[in-house]
C-alpha atoms as a PDB file:
ATOM      1  CA  UNK A   1       0.000   0.000   0.000  1.00  0.00           C
ATOM      2  CA  UNK A   2       1.506   3.278  -1.142  1.00  0.00           C
ATOM      3  CA  UNK A   3       0.101   6.612  -0.081  1.00  0.00           C
ATOM      4  CA  UNK A   4       0.878  10.280   0.285  1.00  0.00           C
ATOM      5  CA  UNK A   5      -0.732  12.679   2.692  1.00  0.00           C
ATOM      6  CA  UNK A   6      -0.628  16.357   3.477  1.00  0.00           C
ATOM      7  CA  UNK A   7      -2.642  18.926   5.382  1.00  0.00           C
ATOM      8  CA  UNK A   8      -3.874  22.034   3.602  1.00  0.00           C
ATOM      9  CA  UNK A   9      -6.328  24.535   5.068  1.00  0.00           C
ATOM     10  CA  UNK A  10      -7.144  22.165   7.937  1.00  0.00           C
ATOM     11  CA  UNK A  11      -8.032  19.279   5.607  1.00  0.00           C
ATOM     12  CA  UNK A  12      -6.060  16.030   5.495  1.00  0.00           C
ATOM     13  CA  UNK A  13      -5.577  14.845   1.912  1.00  0.00           C
ATOM     14  CA  UNK A  14      -4.702  11.161   1.548  1.00  0.00           C
ATOM     15  CA  UNK A  15      -3.918   9.707  -1.879  1.00  0.00           C
ATOM     16  CA  UNK A  16      -3.584   5.952  -2.189  1.00  0.00           C
ATOM     17  CA  UNK A  17      -1.715   4.386  -5.082  1.00  0.00           C
ATOM     18  CA  UNK A  18      -1.556   0.852  -6.461  1.00  0.00           C
ATOM     19  CA  UNK A  19      -3.243  -1.893  -4.466  1.00  0.00           C
ATOM     20  CA  UNK A  20      -5.015  -0.978  -1.234  1.00  0.00           C
ATOM     21  CA  UNK A  21      -4.363  -4.116   0.781  1.00  0.00           C
ATOM     22  CA  UNK A  22      -4.128  -2.688   4.275  1.00  0.00           C
ATOM     23  CA  UNK A  23      -0.730  -4.172   5.091  1.00  0.00           C
ATOM     24  CA  UNK A  24       2.738  -2.712   5.380  1.00  0.00           C
ATOM     25  CA  UNK A  25       2.543   1.031   5.992  1.00  0.00           C
ATOM     26  CA  UNK A  26      -0.745   0.824   7.893  1.00  0.00           C
ATOM     27  CA  UNK A  27       0.773   1.773  11.276  1.00  0.00           C
ATOM     28  CA  UNK A  28       2.613   4.727   9.774  1.00  0.00           C
ATOM     29  CA  UNK A  29      -0.593   5.874   8.057  1.00  0.00           C
ATOM     30  CA  UNK A  30      -2.599   5.636  11.279  1.00  0.00           C
ATOM     31  CA  UNK A  31       0.087   7.597  13.138  1.00  0.00           C
ATOM     32  CA  UNK A  32      -0.107  10.397  10.568  1.00  0.00           C
ATOM     33  CA  UNK A  33      -3.911  10.403  10.818  1.00  0.00           C
ATOM     34  CA  UNK A  34      -3.733  10.588  14.616  1.00  0.00           C
ATOM     35  CA  UNK A  35      -1.228  13.453  14.325  1.00  0.00           C
ATOM     36  CA  UNK A  36      -3.616  15.334  12.026  1.00  0.00           C
ATOM     37  CA  UNK A  37      -6.536  14.765  14.386  1.00  0.00           C
ATOM     38  CA  UNK A  38      -4.442  15.969  17.321  1.00  0.00           C
ATOM     39  CA  UNK A  39      -3.718  19.149  15.336  1.00  0.00           C
ATOM     40  CA  UNK A  40      -7.452  19.778  15.087  1.00  0.00           C
ATOM     41  CA  UNK A  41      -8.021  18.585  11.517  1.00  0.00           C
ATOM     42  CA  UNK A  42     -11.718  17.714  11.122  1.00  0.00           C
ATOM     43  CA  UNK A  43     -11.939  16.571   7.501  1.00  0.00           C
ATOM     44  CA  UNK A  44     -10.126  14.009   5.384  1.00  0.00           C
ATOM     45  CA  UNK A  45     -10.406  13.595   1.634  1.00  0.00           C
ATOM     46  CA  UNK A  46      -9.273  10.169   0.476  1.00  0.00           C
ATOM     47  CA  UNK A  47      -8.321  10.182  -3.193  1.00  0.00           C
ATOM     48  CA  UNK A  48      -8.577   6.725  -4.765  1.00  0.00           C
ATOM     49  CA  UNK A  49      -7.786   7.701  -8.384  1.00  0.00           C
ATOM     50  CA  UNK A  50      -4.616   5.602  -8.465  1.00  0.00           C
ATOM     51  CA  UNK A  51      -6.017   2.516  -6.694  1.00  0.00           C
ATOM     52  CA  UNK A  52      -6.191  -0.507  -8.978  1.00  0.00           C
ATOM     53  CA  UNK A  53      -7.284  -3.196  -6.507  1.00  0.00           C
ATOM     54  CA  UNK A  54      -8.634  -3.317  -2.957  1.00  0.00           C
ATOM     55  CA  UNK A  55      -9.254  -6.297  -0.688  1.00  0.00           C
ATOM     56  CA  UNK A  56     -11.104  -6.625   2.626  1.00  0.00           C
ATOM     57  CA  UNK A  57      -8.120  -5.251   4.541  1.00  0.00           C
ATOM     58  CA  UNK A  58      -8.199  -2.181   2.299  1.00  0.00           C
ATOM     59  CA  UNK A  59     -11.875  -1.757   3.140  1.00  0.00           C
ATOM     60  CA  UNK A  60     -10.831  -1.995   6.783  1.00  0.00           C
ATOM     61  CA  UNK A  61      -8.379   0.876   6.248  1.00  0.00           C
ATOM     62  CA  UNK A  62     -11.170   3.079   4.868  1.00  0.00           C
ATOM     63  CA  UNK A  63     -13.469   2.156   7.756  1.00  0.00           C
ATOM     64  CA  UNK A  64     -10.729   2.889  10.292  1.00  0.00           C
ATOM     65  CA  UNK A  65     -10.029   6.329   8.797  1.00  0.00           C
ATOM     66  CA  UNK A  66     -13.751   7.114   8.655  1.00  0.00           C
ATOM     67  CA  UNK A  67     -14.253   5.981  12.267  1.00  0.00           C
ATOM     68  CA  UNK A  68     -11.286   7.960  13.599  1.00  0.00           C
ATOM     69  CA  UNK A  69     -12.651  11.177  12.098  1.00  0.00           C
ATOM     70  CA  UNK A  70     -16.264  10.440  13.064  1.00  0.00           C
ATOM     71  CA  UNK A  71     -15.221   9.808  16.697  1.00  0.00           C
ATOM     72  CA  UNK A  72     -13.677  13.298  16.772  1.00  0.00           C
ATOM     73  CA  UNK A  73     -16.781  14.967  15.258  1.00  0.00           C
ATOM     74  CA  UNK A  74     -15.083  15.106  11.884  1.00  0.00           C
ATOM     75  CA  UNK A  75     -15.691  13.631   8.477  1.00  0.00           C
ATOM     76  CA  UNK A  76     -13.764  11.470   6.021  1.00  0.00           C
ATOM     77  CA  UNK A  77     -14.912  11.263   2.409  1.00  0.00           C
ATOM     78  CA  UNK A  78     -13.681   9.359  -0.623  1.00  0.00           C
ATOM     79  CA  UNK A  79     -13.249  10.615  -4.189  1.00  0.00           C
ATOM     80  CA  UNK A  80     -12.077   9.531  -7.644  1.00  0.00           C
ATOM     81  CA  UNK A  81     -13.070   5.884  -7.247  1.00  0.00           C
ATOM     82  CA  UNK A  82     -12.525   3.551 -10.215  1.00  0.00           C
ATOM     83  CA  UNK A  83     -15.547   1.589 -11.403  1.00  0.00           C
ATOM     84  CA  UNK A  84     -14.198  -1.747 -10.136  1.00  0.00           C
ATOM     85  CA  UNK A  85     -13.536  -0.311  -6.676  1.00  0.00           C
ATOM     86  CA  UNK A  86     -16.945   1.392  -6.661  1.00  0.00           C
ATOM     87  CA  UNK A  87     -18.622  -1.960  -7.320  1.00  0.00           C
ATOM     88  CA  UNK A  88     -16.877  -3.352  -4.245  1.00  0.00           C
ATOM     89  CA  UNK A  89     -17.938  -0.374  -2.106  1.00  0.00           C
ATOM     90  CA  UNK A  90     -21.547  -0.781  -3.278  1.00  0.00           C
ATOM     91  CA  UNK A  91     -21.502  -4.554  -2.749  1.00  0.00           C
ATOM     92  CA  UNK A  92     -20.257  -4.119   0.824  1.00  0.00           C
ATOM     93  CA  UNK A  93     -22.695  -1.203   1.345  1.00  0.00           C
ATOM     94  CA  UNK A  94     -19.817   1.021   2.392  1.00  0.00           C
ATOM     95  CA  UNK A  95     -21.147   3.632  -0.044  1.00  0.00           C
ATOM     96  CA  UNK A  96     -24.108   4.060   2.317  1.00  0.00           C
ATOM     97  CA  UNK A  97     -21.759   4.959   5.183  1.00  0.00           C
ATOM     98  CA  UNK A  98     -18.911   6.928   3.620  1.00  0.00           C
ATOM     99  CA  UNK A  99     -19.710   9.765   1.224  1.00  0.00           C
ATOM    100  CA  UNK A 100     -18.181   9.188  -2.209  1.00  0.00           C
ATOM    101  CA  UNK A 101     -17.620  12.008  -4.698  1.00  0.00           C
ATOM    102  CA  UNK A 102     -16.620  11.793  -8.365  1.00  0.00           C
ATOM    103  CA  UNK A 103     -13.832  14.389  -8.025  1.00  0.00           C
ATOM    104  CA  UNK A 104     -11.654  15.926  -5.349  1.00  0.00           C
ATOM    105  CA  UNK A 105     -13.116  19.358  -6.128  1.00  0.00           C
ATOM    106  CA  UNK A 106     -16.629  18.069  -5.394  1.00  0.00           C
ATOM    107  CA  UNK A 107     -15.413  16.419  -2.180  1.00  0.00           C
ATOM    108  CA  UNK A 108     -13.817  19.689  -1.136  1.00  0.00           C
ATOM    109  CA  UNK A 109     -16.968  21.647  -1.861  1.00  0.00           C
ATOM    110  CA  UNK A 110     -19.185  19.312   0.141  1.00  0.00           C
END
């Protein structure tokens, strides 16, 4: 699992790349999310434009990020989801829990 993240205007931007499998850098990712939350960040935009494949552990990563923000009265949203990944999110009904936007600009405006 490869990712980049940065904070801009009190929003945490996370961009995943390749396969979202939930292994490897997961602890480092969660530490950076906790750091952002401790700095008062209340919104995360998760960009999935470069994700080719996601398994159940990857779904767990999304749920964990969503839950961490929700527990701090914040919000995590997802954008730029490929059709194959969207089918998985619909099948697991995660699309009913996490807001999904077609573009990062629409996620930012929400």
